[in-house]
Amino acid sequence: MSKKAVVLLSGGLDSATTLYVAKKQDFECCCLIFDYGQRHRREIESAKHIAQKAKCKWQVVKITFPWKGSALLDRRALLPQRRLGQIPREIPSTYVPARNTIFLSFALSYAETIGAQSIFIGANAVDFSGYPDCRPKYYSEFNRLSQLATKAGAGGRSIKIFTPLINKTKREIILLARRLKVPLHLTWSCYKGMNKPCGLCDSCLLRARGFAQAGIKDPLIQ
C-alpha cells in the first residue's frame, strides 16, 4: 500500500525541494497550488511545471482574501526593497495574515479526504523574512490541532505535518536541492512577476545569498 502525502507547492525553491524530499521518502505526492490573488501568476505556473516534472498529481485551489492586508495581495502597495544583508527581523509588509493556517486547513481537509497520512510544507525558520507562521512551535501546535480536529485523528490515524527544511539555511537547502535533482531552473522566488527576478525584494536577496554561499550559480540569473 503506497504512502500518500499532500505537498503545498508554491513554485519557490523551498517548496520544490520539499516535494523532492517527500518523493525521496517514497510518498505518492499530491500537490496543492494556491491561487490566492497574489501579485502575479508566475509562481503558480512555476508550481505547475515543477509538479509535472516530478510526475506528481496537482491541482490549483483558488481562494480570495477580499480584505487584502498584505503587499503581496495589494498591487498598490509598495514591496520592500533592500540590499543584501539588510533583511530585518520584524514582520514585513509581505506577510499575508494567517496564510499558512488557511493553506494547511485546506491541505488537512484534502489529506483526510484522500487518505493521506502526511502533509509536507517548505517552511523555513532560519533564512526567512520573519513570518510567525514559519516557526517550529507553530507547526508543533498545528500538529496537535490536526489530531484533535479531524475524524482521522479521533480514530487514531493522525495526519502529521512535516517541515523538512525548517532548520536549514538557504545554502543547505540549495545543496540538498542539487543532490535531489530539483529542477531549480523552474523555481521562482521573486515577489514580482517579471521576466527575471528583481534582485531587491526579501525573497530575491535570501535566494541570492543562499546560492552565493553554496557556490552555485542561480539558473535564473544570466
N, C-alpha and C. Protein backbone atom coordinates (compact mmCIF):
# COMPACT_ATOMS: atom_id res chain seq x y z
N MET A 1 0.84 -1.19 0.00
CA MET A 1 0.00 0.00 0.00
C MET A 1 0.88 1.24 0.00
N SER A 2 0.65 2.15 -0.93
CA SER A 2 1.51 3.32 -1.04
C SER A 2 1.21 4.35 0.04
N LYS A 3 2.23 5.10 0.40
CA LYS A 3 2.06 6.20 1.34
C LYS A 3 1.69 7.44 0.55
N LYS A 4 0.66 8.15 0.99
CA LYS A 4 0.24 9.36 0.31
C LYS A 4 0.61 10.58 1.14
N ALA A 5 0.99 11.65 0.45
CA ALA A 5 1.29 12.91 1.11
C ALA A 5 0.73 14.05 0.29
N VAL A 6 0.21 15.05 0.98
CA VAL A 6 -0.18 16.30 0.35
C VAL A 6 1.00 17.25 0.49
N VAL A 7 1.43 17.84 -0.61
CA VAL A 7 2.56 18.77 -0.60
C VAL A 7 2.07 20.15 -1.02
N LEU A 8 2.33 21.15 -0.18
CA LEU A 8 1.99 22.52 -0.53
C LEU A 8 3.09 23.05 -1.44
N LEU A 9 2.73 23.34 -2.67
CA LEU A 9 3.71 23.71 -3.69
C LEU A 9 3.45 25.12 -4.19
N SER A 10 4.35 26.04 -3.86
CA SER A 10 4.17 27.44 -4.26
C SER A 10 4.90 27.79 -5.54
N GLY A 11 5.84 26.93 -5.95
CA GLY A 11 6.67 27.24 -7.11
C GLY A 11 8.03 27.79 -6.73
N GLY A 12 8.24 28.01 -5.44
CA GLY A 12 9.52 28.54 -4.97
C GLY A 12 10.54 27.45 -4.71
N LEU A 13 11.74 27.89 -4.37
CA LEU A 13 12.86 26.99 -4.11
C LEU A 13 12.56 26.03 -2.97
N ASP A 14 12.03 26.54 -1.86
CA ASP A 14 11.82 25.70 -0.68
C ASP A 14 10.73 24.66 -0.90
N SER A 15 9.61 25.07 -1.50
CA SER A 15 8.52 24.11 -1.69
C SER A 15 8.89 23.05 -2.72
N ALA A 16 9.64 23.43 -3.74
CA ALA A 16 10.08 22.45 -4.74
C ALA A 16 11.01 21.41 -4.11
N THR A 17 11.93 21.90 -3.28
CA THR A 17 12.85 20.98 -2.60
C THR A 17 12.08 20.05 -1.67
N THR A 18 11.09 20.60 -0.99
CA THR A 18 10.27 19.79 -0.08
C THR A 18 9.53 18.70 -0.83
N LEU A 19 9.02 19.01 -2.02
CA LEU A 19 8.37 18.00 -2.84
C LEU A 19 9.32 16.86 -3.15
N TYR A 20 10.54 17.19 -3.50
CA TYR A 20 11.51 16.16 -3.85
C TYR A 20 11.98 15.38 -2.62
N VAL A 21 11.96 16.00 -1.45
CA VAL A 21 12.24 15.27 -0.20
C VAL A 21 11.16 14.22 0.03
N ALA A 22 9.91 14.64 -0.15
CA ALA A 22 8.80 13.69 0.03
C ALA A 22 8.87 12.55 -0.97
N LYS A 23 9.21 12.86 -2.23
CA LYS A 23 9.36 11.82 -3.24
C LYS A 23 10.49 10.85 -2.87
N LYS A 24 11.58 11.40 -2.35
CA LYS A 24 12.72 10.58 -1.94
C LYS A 24 12.33 9.59 -0.85
N GLN A 25 11.35 9.99 -0.05
CA GLN A 25 10.86 9.12 1.03
C GLN A 25 9.74 8.19 0.57
N ASP A 26 9.59 8.11 -0.75
CA ASP A 26 8.65 7.17 -1.39
C ASP A 26 7.18 7.48 -1.12
N PHE A 27 6.87 8.76 -0.93
CA PHE A 27 5.48 9.16 -0.82
C PHE A 27 4.88 9.34 -2.22
N GLU A 28 3.64 8.97 -2.37
CA GLU A 28 2.87 9.35 -3.54
C GLU A 28 2.37 10.76 -3.27
N CYS A 29 2.89 11.72 -4.00
CA CYS A 29 2.65 13.12 -3.67
C CYS A 29 1.50 13.73 -4.48
N CYS A 30 0.64 14.42 -3.78
CA CYS A 30 -0.46 15.16 -4.39
C CYS A 30 -0.24 16.64 -4.04
N CYS A 31 0.02 17.44 -5.04
CA CYS A 31 0.41 18.83 -4.80
C CYS A 31 -0.78 19.78 -4.81
N LEU A 32 -0.81 20.66 -3.83
CA LEU A 32 -1.80 21.74 -3.80
C LEU A 32 -1.10 23.04 -4.14
N ILE A 33 -1.62 23.72 -5.14
CA ILE A 33 -1.08 25.01 -5.59
C ILE A 33 -2.17 26.05 -5.36
N PHE A 34 -1.87 27.11 -4.62
CA PHE A 34 -2.89 28.09 -4.28
C PHE A 34 -2.81 29.34 -5.15
N ASP A 35 -3.95 29.65 -5.74
CA ASP A 35 -4.14 30.92 -6.44
C ASP A 35 -4.97 31.77 -5.49
N TYR A 36 -4.30 32.64 -4.74
CA TYR A 36 -4.98 33.39 -3.69
C TYR A 36 -5.00 34.90 -3.93
N GLY A 37 -4.86 35.26 -5.20
CA GLY A 37 -4.89 36.68 -5.53
C GLY A 37 -3.56 37.37 -5.37
N GLN A 38 -2.46 36.58 -5.38
CA GLN A 38 -1.13 37.15 -5.25
C GLN A 38 -0.81 38.06 -6.44
N ARG A 39 0.24 38.85 -6.30
CA ARG A 39 0.54 39.91 -7.26
C ARG A 39 0.75 39.40 -8.69
N HIS A 40 1.17 38.17 -8.85
CA HIS A 40 1.44 37.65 -10.20
C HIS A 40 1.18 36.15 -10.25
N ARG A 41 1.09 35.62 -11.47
CA ARG A 41 0.82 34.21 -11.67
C ARG A 41 2.08 33.42 -11.99
N ARG A 42 3.22 34.09 -12.02
CA ARG A 42 4.47 33.42 -12.39
C ARG A 42 4.76 32.24 -11.47
N GLU A 43 4.55 32.43 -10.16
CA GLU A 43 4.84 31.33 -9.23
C GLU A 43 3.85 30.17 -9.39
N ILE A 44 2.61 30.49 -9.77
CA ILE A 44 1.63 29.43 -10.00
C ILE A 44 2.04 28.57 -11.19
N GLU A 45 2.45 29.23 -12.27
CA GLU A 45 2.90 28.48 -13.45
C GLU A 45 4.15 27.68 -13.14
N SER A 46 5.06 28.24 -12.33
CA SER A 46 6.26 27.51 -11.93
C SER A 46 5.88 26.26 -11.15
N ALA A 47 4.92 26.39 -10.23
CA ALA A 47 4.50 25.24 -9.44
C ALA A 47 3.93 24.13 -10.33
N LYS A 48 3.13 24.51 -11.31
CA LYS A 48 2.57 23.52 -12.23
C LYS A 48 3.68 22.77 -12.96
N HIS A 49 4.66 23.52 -13.47
CA HIS A 49 5.75 22.90 -14.22
C HIS A 49 6.59 21.97 -13.34
N ILE A 50 6.79 22.37 -12.09
CA ILE A 50 7.57 21.55 -11.15
C ILE A 50 6.84 20.25 -10.85
N ALA A 51 5.54 20.34 -10.59
CA ALA A 51 4.74 19.14 -10.32
C ALA A 51 4.74 18.20 -11.51
N GLN A 52 4.62 18.76 -12.72
CA GLN A 52 4.64 17.94 -13.93
C GLN A 52 6.00 17.27 -14.12
N LYS A 53 7.06 18.03 -13.86
CA LYS A 53 8.42 17.48 -13.98
C LYS A 53 8.63 16.34 -12.99
N ALA A 54 8.05 16.48 -11.80
CA ALA A 54 8.19 15.45 -10.76
C ALA A 54 7.22 14.30 -10.97
N LYS A 55 6.34 14.42 -11.99
CA LYS A 55 5.35 13.40 -12.30
C LYS A 55 4.40 13.16 -11.13
N CYS A 56 3.94 14.27 -10.54
CA CYS A 56 3.04 14.21 -9.40
C CYS A 56 1.68 14.81 -9.75
N LYS A 57 0.66 14.32 -9.09
CA LYS A 57 -0.67 14.90 -9.24
C LYS A 57 -0.66 16.32 -8.67
N TRP A 58 -1.43 17.20 -9.27
CA TRP A 58 -1.51 18.55 -8.76
C TRP A 58 -2.87 19.16 -9.07
N GLN A 59 -3.24 20.12 -8.27
CA GLN A 59 -4.43 20.90 -8.57
C GLN A 59 -4.28 22.30 -7.99
N VAL A 60 -4.87 23.25 -8.69
CA VAL A 60 -4.84 24.64 -8.24
C VAL A 60 -6.12 24.91 -7.46
N VAL A 61 -5.94 25.48 -6.27
CA VAL A 61 -7.08 25.85 -5.43
C VAL A 61 -7.18 27.37 -5.43
N LYS A 62 -8.30 27.88 -5.89
CA LYS A 62 -8.48 29.33 -5.97
C LYS A 62 -9.26 29.82 -4.76
N ILE A 63 -8.65 30.74 -4.01
CA ILE A 63 -9.31 31.36 -2.87
C ILE A 63 -9.07 32.86 -2.95
N THR A 64 -9.80 33.62 -2.16
CA THR A 64 -9.61 35.08 -2.18
C THR A 64 -9.46 35.62 -0.76
N PHE A 65 -8.70 36.69 -0.66
CA PHE A 65 -8.58 37.47 0.56
C PHE A 65 -9.16 38.85 0.25
N PRO A 66 -10.49 39.02 0.28
CA PRO A 66 -11.08 40.28 -0.15
C PRO A 66 -10.65 41.48 0.70
N TRP A 67 -10.17 41.23 1.91
CA TRP A 67 -9.74 42.32 2.79
C TRP A 67 -8.28 42.69 2.60
N LYS A 68 -7.59 42.02 1.65
CA LYS A 68 -6.17 42.29 1.34
C LYS A 68 -5.30 42.10 2.59
N GLY A 69 -4.66 43.18 3.08
CA GLY A 69 -3.86 43.07 4.30
C GLY A 69 -2.41 42.71 4.09
N SER A 70 -1.94 42.72 2.84
CA SER A 70 -0.55 42.36 2.57
C SER A 70 -0.10 43.00 1.27
N ALA A 71 1.19 43.32 1.20
CA ALA A 71 1.75 43.86 -0.04
C ALA A 71 1.74 42.82 -1.16
N LEU A 72 1.60 41.55 -0.81
CA LEU A 72 1.52 40.51 -1.83
C LEU A 72 0.12 40.40 -2.44
N LEU A 73 -0.86 41.03 -1.77
CA LEU A 73 -2.24 40.96 -2.25
C LEU A 73 -2.73 42.28 -2.84
N ASP A 74 -2.05 43.36 -2.50
CA ASP A 74 -2.47 44.69 -2.93
C ASP A 74 -1.42 45.26 -3.88
N ARG A 75 -1.75 45.32 -5.15
CA ARG A 75 -0.77 45.79 -6.14
C ARG A 75 -0.45 47.27 -6.00
N ARG A 76 -1.26 47.98 -5.23
CA ARG A 76 -0.98 49.40 -5.00
C ARG A 76 0.07 49.59 -3.91
N ALA A 77 0.28 48.58 -3.09
CA ALA A 77 1.25 48.68 -2.00
C ALA A 77 2.66 48.48 -2.53
N LEU A 78 3.60 49.20 -1.95
CA LEU A 78 5.00 49.07 -2.35
C LEU A 78 5.63 47.86 -1.68
N LEU A 79 6.36 47.08 -2.47
CA LEU A 79 7.12 45.97 -1.90
C LEU A 79 8.39 46.51 -1.27
N PRO A 80 8.78 46.00 -0.10
CA PRO A 80 10.03 46.45 0.50
C PRO A 80 11.22 46.06 -0.38
N GLN A 81 12.13 47.00 -0.59
CA GLN A 81 13.34 46.73 -1.36
C GLN A 81 14.55 47.06 -0.49
N ARG A 82 15.52 46.15 -0.46
CA ARG A 82 16.66 46.31 0.44
C ARG A 82 17.95 45.92 -0.29
N ARG A 83 19.01 45.93 0.45
CA ARG A 83 20.28 45.45 -0.06
C ARG A 83 20.66 44.19 0.71
N LEU A 84 21.44 43.34 0.08
CA LEU A 84 21.84 42.08 0.69
C LEU A 84 22.43 42.33 2.07
N GLY A 85 21.97 41.56 3.03
CA GLY A 85 22.46 41.68 4.40
C GLY A 85 21.63 42.63 5.24
N GLN A 86 20.60 43.24 4.66
CA GLN A 86 19.79 44.20 5.40
C GLN A 86 18.37 43.71 5.64
N ILE A 87 18.14 42.41 5.58
CA ILE A 87 16.81 41.88 5.81
C ILE A 87 16.51 41.96 7.30
N PRO A 88 15.49 42.71 7.70
CA PRO A 88 15.21 42.90 9.12
C PRO A 88 14.50 41.70 9.73
N ARG A 89 14.41 41.68 11.03
CA ARG A 89 13.73 40.58 11.71
C ARG A 89 12.29 40.90 12.05
N GLU A 90 11.85 42.16 11.88
CA GLU A 90 10.44 42.43 12.11
C GLU A 90 9.62 41.87 10.97
N ILE A 91 8.35 41.66 11.24
CA ILE A 91 7.46 41.06 10.24
C ILE A 91 7.22 42.08 9.13
N PRO A 92 7.55 41.75 7.88
CA PRO A 92 7.45 42.71 6.78
C PRO A 92 6.04 42.83 6.21
N SER A 93 5.85 43.80 5.34
CA SER A 93 4.53 44.06 4.73
C SER A 93 4.10 42.94 3.79
N THR A 94 5.02 42.04 3.43
CA THR A 94 4.68 40.93 2.55
C THR A 94 4.03 39.76 3.30
N TYR A 95 3.95 39.86 4.61
CA TYR A 95 3.25 38.85 5.40
C TYR A 95 1.77 38.86 5.03
N VAL A 96 1.23 37.68 4.70
CA VAL A 96 -0.20 37.54 4.41
C VAL A 96 -0.88 36.99 5.66
N PRO A 97 -1.78 37.74 6.29
CA PRO A 97 -2.37 37.32 7.56
C PRO A 97 -2.93 35.89 7.55
N ALA A 98 -2.35 35.08 8.43
CA ALA A 98 -2.80 33.69 8.67
C ALA A 98 -2.75 32.81 7.42
N ARG A 99 -1.91 33.16 6.45
CA ARG A 99 -1.89 32.41 5.19
C ARG A 99 -1.60 30.92 5.38
N ASN A 100 -0.56 30.60 6.13
CA ASN A 100 -0.21 29.19 6.27
C ASN A 100 -1.28 28.41 7.03
N THR A 101 -1.94 29.07 7.97
CA THR A 101 -3.04 28.41 8.69
C THR A 101 -4.17 28.06 7.72
N ILE A 102 -4.47 28.99 6.82
CA ILE A 102 -5.51 28.74 5.81
C ILE A 102 -5.07 27.64 4.85
N PHE A 103 -3.85 27.72 4.36
CA PHE A 103 -3.34 26.71 3.44
C PHE A 103 -3.34 25.32 4.08
N LEU A 104 -2.86 25.26 5.31
CA LEU A 104 -2.79 23.96 5.99
C LEU A 104 -4.17 23.39 6.28
N SER A 105 -5.14 24.26 6.51
CA SER A 105 -6.51 23.79 6.73
C SER A 105 -7.05 23.12 5.46
N PHE A 106 -6.78 23.73 4.31
CA PHE A 106 -7.16 23.12 3.04
C PHE A 106 -6.43 21.79 2.86
N ALA A 107 -5.13 21.79 3.16
CA ALA A 107 -4.33 20.57 2.99
C ALA A 107 -4.81 19.46 3.91
N LEU A 108 -5.20 19.83 5.13
CA LEU A 108 -5.68 18.84 6.09
C LEU A 108 -6.99 18.21 5.61
N SER A 109 -7.89 19.04 5.09
CA SER A 109 -9.15 18.54 4.55
C SER A 109 -8.90 17.61 3.36
N TYR A 110 -8.00 18.02 2.48
CA TYR A 110 -7.66 17.22 1.30
C TYR A 110 -7.02 15.90 1.72
N ALA A 111 -6.09 15.96 2.68
CA ALA A 111 -5.39 14.76 3.13
C ALA A 111 -6.36 13.76 3.74
N GLU A 112 -7.28 14.26 4.56
CA GLU A 112 -8.24 13.35 5.18
C GLU A 112 -9.15 12.72 4.13
N THR A 113 -9.51 13.49 3.12
CA THR A 113 -10.41 13.00 2.07
C THR A 113 -9.78 11.90 1.24
N ILE A 114 -8.49 12.06 0.91
CA ILE A 114 -7.84 11.07 0.03
C ILE A 114 -7.08 9.99 0.80
N GLY A 115 -7.12 10.06 2.13
CA GLY A 115 -6.44 9.05 2.93
C GLY A 115 -4.94 9.24 3.03
N ALA A 116 -4.49 10.47 2.89
CA ALA A 116 -3.05 10.76 3.03
C ALA A 116 -2.67 10.82 4.51
N GLN A 117 -1.50 10.30 4.83
CA GLN A 117 -1.04 10.28 6.21
C GLN A 117 -0.20 11.50 6.56
N SER A 118 0.24 12.23 5.55
CA SER A 118 1.22 13.28 5.79
C SER A 118 0.95 14.52 4.95
N ILE A 119 1.38 15.66 5.48
CA ILE A 119 1.37 16.93 4.77
C ILE A 119 2.78 17.49 4.82
N PHE A 120 3.31 17.89 3.68
CA PHE A 120 4.65 18.48 3.63
C PHE A 120 4.54 19.95 3.24
N ILE A 121 5.27 20.79 3.98
CA ILE A 121 5.31 22.22 3.68
C ILE A 121 6.76 22.70 3.80
N GLY A 122 7.17 23.57 2.89
CA GLY A 122 8.56 24.01 2.84
C GLY A 122 8.87 25.19 3.75
N ALA A 123 8.31 25.21 4.94
CA ALA A 123 8.56 26.31 5.88
C ALA A 123 10.01 26.31 6.33
N ASN A 124 10.52 27.51 6.57
CA ASN A 124 11.91 27.67 7.00
C ASN A 124 12.00 28.77 8.05
N ALA A 125 12.73 28.49 9.13
CA ALA A 125 12.82 29.45 10.23
C ALA A 125 14.25 29.95 10.44
N VAL A 126 15.11 29.77 9.43
CA VAL A 126 16.49 30.23 9.55
C VAL A 126 16.71 31.42 8.63
N ASP A 127 16.81 31.18 7.33
CA ASP A 127 16.92 32.28 6.35
C ASP A 127 15.52 32.59 5.83
N PHE A 128 14.80 33.42 6.57
CA PHE A 128 13.42 33.72 6.19
C PHE A 128 13.10 35.16 6.55
N SER A 129 11.89 35.62 6.18
CA SER A 129 11.54 37.02 6.36
C SER A 129 10.88 37.34 7.69
N GLY A 130 10.88 36.40 8.61
CA GLY A 130 10.35 36.66 9.94
C GLY A 130 8.87 36.38 10.11
N TYR A 131 8.26 35.65 9.16
CA TYR A 131 6.83 35.36 9.26
C TYR A 131 6.56 34.45 10.47
N PRO A 132 5.56 34.78 11.31
CA PRO A 132 5.30 33.97 12.51
C PRO A 132 4.82 32.56 12.20
N ASP A 133 4.23 32.34 11.02
CA ASP A 133 3.73 31.00 10.69
C ASP A 133 4.78 30.17 9.94
N CYS A 134 6.05 30.52 10.15
CA CYS A 134 7.15 29.71 9.60
C CYS A 134 8.04 29.17 10.71
N ARG A 135 7.55 29.20 11.94
CA ARG A 135 8.37 28.82 13.10
C ARG A 135 8.01 27.43 13.61
N PRO A 136 8.99 26.71 14.16
CA PRO A 136 8.74 25.32 14.61
C PRO A 136 7.59 25.18 15.59
N LYS A 137 7.46 26.11 16.54
CA LYS A 137 6.40 25.98 17.54
C LYS A 137 5.02 26.01 16.89
N TYR A 138 4.87 26.82 15.86
CA TYR A 138 3.59 26.90 15.15
C TYR A 138 3.19 25.53 14.59
N TYR A 139 4.14 24.84 13.96
CA TYR A 139 3.84 23.55 13.35
C TYR A 139 3.62 22.47 14.40
N SER A 140 4.31 22.58 15.52
CA SER A 140 4.07 21.66 16.63
C SER A 140 2.64 21.79 17.13
N GLU A 141 2.18 23.03 17.27
CA GLU A 141 0.82 23.27 17.74
C GLU A 141 -0.21 22.85 16.68
N PHE A 142 0.09 23.08 15.41
CA PHE A 142 -0.86 22.69 14.36
C PHE A 142 -0.98 21.18 14.27
N ASN A 143 0.11 20.47 14.54
CA ASN A 143 0.03 19.01 14.56
C ASN A 143 -0.92 18.53 15.67
N ARG A 144 -0.87 19.20 16.81
CA ARG A 144 -1.79 18.86 17.90
C ARG A 144 -3.23 19.14 17.48
N LEU A 145 -3.43 20.28 16.81
CA LEU A 145 -4.76 20.65 16.35
C LEU A 145 -5.29 19.64 15.34
N SER A 146 -4.44 19.22 14.42
CA SER A 146 -4.89 18.30 13.37
C SER A 146 -5.35 16.97 13.97
N GLN A 147 -4.75 16.58 15.06
CA GLN A 147 -5.16 15.34 15.70
C GLN A 147 -6.51 15.50 16.41
N LEU A 148 -6.73 16.69 16.96
CA LEU A 148 -7.97 16.93 17.69
C LEU A 148 -9.15 17.23 16.78
N ALA A 149 -8.87 17.83 15.61
CA ALA A 149 -9.94 18.40 14.80
C ALA A 149 -10.41 17.55 13.64
N THR A 150 -9.89 16.34 13.50
CA THR A 150 -10.25 15.52 12.34
C THR A 150 -10.80 14.16 12.76
N LYS A 151 -11.59 13.61 11.87
CA LYS A 151 -12.09 12.25 12.08
C LYS A 151 -10.93 11.26 12.13
N ALA A 152 -9.94 11.50 11.25
CA ALA A 152 -8.76 10.62 11.23
C ALA A 152 -8.06 10.63 12.59
N GLY A 153 -7.88 11.84 13.15
CA GLY A 153 -7.22 11.94 14.44
C GLY A 153 -8.03 11.29 15.55
N ALA A 154 -9.35 11.48 15.53
CA ALA A 154 -10.22 10.88 16.54
C ALA A 154 -10.19 9.35 16.48
N GLY A 155 -9.90 8.84 15.26
CA GLY A 155 -9.82 7.40 15.08
C GLY A 155 -8.44 6.83 15.25
N GLY A 156 -7.52 7.67 15.72
CA GLY A 156 -6.15 7.20 15.97
C GLY A 156 -5.27 7.19 14.74
N ARG A 157 -5.73 7.81 13.64
CA ARG A 157 -4.93 7.86 12.41
C ARG A 157 -4.54 9.31 12.15
N SER A 158 -3.65 9.82 12.93
CA SER A 158 -3.30 11.24 12.84
C SER A 158 -2.61 11.56 11.52
N ILE A 159 -2.88 12.74 11.02
CA ILE A 159 -2.23 13.25 9.81
C ILE A 159 -1.14 14.19 10.27
N LYS A 160 0.09 13.87 9.97
CA LYS A 160 1.21 14.64 10.50
C LYS A 160 1.75 15.64 9.48
N ILE A 161 2.09 16.81 9.97
CA ILE A 161 2.68 17.85 9.12
C ILE A 161 4.19 17.78 9.24
N PHE A 162 4.86 17.69 8.12
CA PHE A 162 6.32 17.61 8.09
C PHE A 162 6.90 18.91 7.52
N THR A 163 7.94 19.39 8.17
CA THR A 163 8.65 20.60 7.73
C THR A 163 10.14 20.27 7.60
N PRO A 164 10.52 19.53 6.57
CA PRO A 164 11.90 19.03 6.48
C PRO A 164 12.97 20.11 6.35
N LEU A 165 12.59 21.34 5.99
CA LEU A 165 13.58 22.41 5.80
C LEU A 165 13.59 23.42 6.93
N ILE A 166 12.82 23.19 7.96
CA ILE A 166 12.56 24.21 8.97
C ILE A 166 13.82 24.78 9.61
N ASN A 167 14.84 23.95 9.80
CA ASN A 167 16.06 24.40 10.48
C ASN A 167 17.27 24.50 9.55
N LYS A 168 17.02 24.52 8.25
CA LYS A 168 18.13 24.58 7.29
C LYS A 168 18.34 26.01 6.79
N THR A 169 19.60 26.34 6.49
CA THR A 169 19.90 27.62 5.85
C THR A 169 19.58 27.51 4.37
N LYS A 170 19.49 28.65 3.70
CA LYS A 170 19.26 28.61 2.25
C LYS A 170 20.38 27.86 1.54
N ARG A 171 21.60 28.03 2.01
CA ARG A 171 22.74 27.31 1.43
C ARG A 171 22.49 25.81 1.52
N GLU A 172 22.09 25.34 2.68
CA GLU A 172 21.84 23.91 2.87
C GLU A 172 20.68 23.42 2.01
N ILE A 173 19.66 24.26 1.87
CA ILE A 173 18.51 23.88 1.05
C ILE A 173 18.92 23.75 -0.42
N ILE A 174 19.72 24.68 -0.89
CA ILE A 174 20.16 24.65 -2.29
C ILE A 174 21.06 23.43 -2.56
N LEU A 175 21.94 23.12 -1.63
CA LEU A 175 22.79 21.94 -1.79
C LEU A 175 21.96 20.66 -1.77
N LEU A 176 20.96 20.63 -0.91
CA LEU A 176 20.05 19.48 -0.86
C LEU A 176 19.27 19.37 -2.17
N ALA A 177 18.81 20.51 -2.66
CA ALA A 177 18.06 20.52 -3.93
C ALA A 177 18.90 19.96 -5.07
N ARG A 178 20.16 20.33 -5.09
CA ARG A 178 21.04 19.83 -6.15
C ARG A 178 21.21 18.31 -6.04
N ARG A 179 21.38 17.82 -4.81
CA ARG A 179 21.53 16.37 -4.63
C ARG A 179 20.27 15.62 -5.06
N LEU A 180 19.11 16.23 -4.84
CA LEU A 180 17.86 15.58 -5.18
C LEU A 180 17.44 15.82 -6.62
N LYS A 181 18.27 16.58 -7.34
CA LYS A 181 17.99 16.91 -8.74
C LYS A 181 16.67 17.69 -8.91
N VAL A 182 16.47 18.64 -8.01
CA VAL A 182 15.32 19.53 -8.12
C VAL A 182 15.53 20.43 -9.35
N PRO A 183 14.54 20.62 -10.19
CA PRO A 183 14.70 21.49 -11.36
C PRO A 183 14.71 22.97 -10.95
N LEU A 184 15.86 23.42 -10.48
CA LEU A 184 15.97 24.78 -9.95
C LEU A 184 15.61 25.84 -10.98
N HIS A 185 15.83 25.52 -12.24
CA HIS A 185 15.53 26.49 -13.30
C HIS A 185 14.03 26.74 -13.45
N LEU A 186 13.21 25.86 -12.88
CA LEU A 186 11.76 26.04 -12.95
C LEU A 186 11.20 26.80 -11.75
N THR A 187 12.01 26.96 -10.70
CA THR A 187 11.52 27.62 -9.49
C THR A 187 11.47 29.13 -9.66
N TRP A 188 10.62 29.77 -8.87
CA TRP A 188 10.50 31.22 -8.90
C TRP A 188 10.34 31.73 -7.48
N SER A 189 11.19 32.67 -7.07
CA SER A 189 11.16 33.18 -5.71
C SER A 189 10.74 34.64 -5.61
N CYS A 190 10.95 35.40 -6.65
CA CYS A 190 10.75 36.85 -6.62
C CYS A 190 9.29 37.22 -6.38
N TYR A 191 9.08 38.25 -5.57
CA TYR A 191 7.73 38.73 -5.29
C TYR A 191 7.11 39.45 -6.49
N LYS A 192 7.93 39.78 -7.48
CA LYS A 192 7.42 40.44 -8.68
C LYS A 192 7.37 39.43 -9.83
N GLY A 193 6.34 39.51 -10.63
CA GLY A 193 6.17 38.55 -11.72
C GLY A 193 6.71 39.08 -13.03
N MET A 194 7.99 39.28 -13.12
CA MET A 194 8.60 39.83 -14.33
C MET A 194 9.29 38.71 -15.11
N ASN A 195 10.00 39.09 -16.15
CA ASN A 195 10.73 38.09 -16.93
C ASN A 195 11.95 37.55 -16.20
N LYS A 196 12.50 38.37 -15.30
CA LYS A 196 13.63 37.92 -14.50
C LYS A 196 13.47 38.47 -13.09
N PRO A 197 14.11 37.86 -12.09
CA PRO A 197 13.98 38.30 -10.71
C PRO A 197 14.42 39.76 -10.53
N CYS A 198 13.73 40.47 -9.62
CA CYS A 198 14.06 41.88 -9.40
C CYS A 198 15.39 42.06 -8.68
N GLY A 199 15.76 41.09 -7.85
CA GLY A 199 17.03 41.15 -7.13
C GLY A 199 17.02 42.05 -5.92
N LEU A 200 15.87 42.63 -5.57
CA LEU A 200 15.80 43.59 -4.48
C LEU A 200 14.82 43.21 -3.36
N CYS A 201 13.84 42.38 -3.66
CA CYS A 201 12.89 42.01 -2.61
C CYS A 201 13.54 41.01 -1.65
N ASP A 202 12.92 40.83 -0.49
CA ASP A 202 13.49 39.93 0.53
C ASP A 202 13.74 38.53 -0.03
N SER A 203 12.77 38.03 -0.79
CA SER A 203 12.87 36.68 -1.30
C SER A 203 14.05 36.53 -2.27
N CYS A 204 14.23 37.53 -3.12
CA CYS A 204 15.37 37.52 -4.04
C CYS A 204 16.70 37.57 -3.29
N LEU A 205 16.76 38.41 -2.26
CA LEU A 205 18.00 38.56 -1.50
C LEU A 205 18.37 37.28 -0.77
N LEU A 206 17.39 36.64 -0.16
CA LEU A 206 17.65 35.39 0.54
C LEU A 206 18.10 34.31 -0.43
N ARG A 207 17.47 34.26 -1.59
CA ARG A 207 17.85 33.28 -2.62
C ARG A 207 19.27 33.55 -3.12
N ALA A 208 19.57 34.82 -3.40
CA ALA A 208 20.90 35.18 -3.90
C ALA A 208 21.99 34.83 -2.90
N ARG A 209 21.72 35.13 -1.63
CA ARG A 209 22.72 34.82 -0.60
C ARG A 209 22.93 33.31 -0.48
N GLY A 210 21.84 32.54 -0.58
CA GLY A 210 21.95 31.09 -0.50
C GLY A 210 22.78 30.51 -1.63
N PHE A 211 22.54 30.95 -2.85
CA PHE A 211 23.31 30.45 -3.99
C PHE A 211 24.77 30.85 -3.88
N ALA A 212 25.01 32.09 -3.43
CA ALA A 212 26.40 32.55 -3.28
C ALA A 212 27.14 31.71 -2.24
N GLN A 213 26.50 31.44 -1.12
CA GLN A 213 27.13 30.65 -0.06
C GLN A 213 27.31 29.20 -0.47
N ALA A 214 26.43 28.72 -1.35
CA ALA A 214 26.55 27.33 -1.82
C ALA A 214 27.59 27.21 -2.94
N GLY A 215 28.00 28.35 -3.49
CA GLY A 215 28.96 28.32 -4.58
C GLY A 215 28.36 27.81 -5.87
N ILE A 216 27.07 28.05 -6.04
CA ILE A 216 26.35 27.58 -7.22
C ILE A 216 25.72 28.77 -7.93
N LYS A 217 25.73 28.76 -9.24
CA LYS A 217 25.12 29.85 -9.99
C LYS A 217 23.61 29.63 -10.08
N ASP A 218 22.86 30.64 -9.79
CA ASP A 218 21.40 30.57 -9.88
C ASP A 218 21.02 30.50 -11.36
N PRO A 219 20.33 29.45 -11.77
CA PRO A 219 19.97 29.31 -13.20
C PRO A 219 19.04 30.41 -13.71
N LEU A 220 18.40 31.16 -12.81
CA LEU A 220 17.51 32.23 -13.25
C LEU A 220 18.26 33.54 -13.53
N ILE A 221 19.52 33.58 -13.12
CA ILE A 221 20.32 34.81 -13.31
C ILE A 221 21.29 34.59 -14.46
N GLN A 222 21.15 35.37 -15.51
CA GLN A 222 22.02 35.24 -16.68
C GLN A 222 23.39 35.88 -16.43
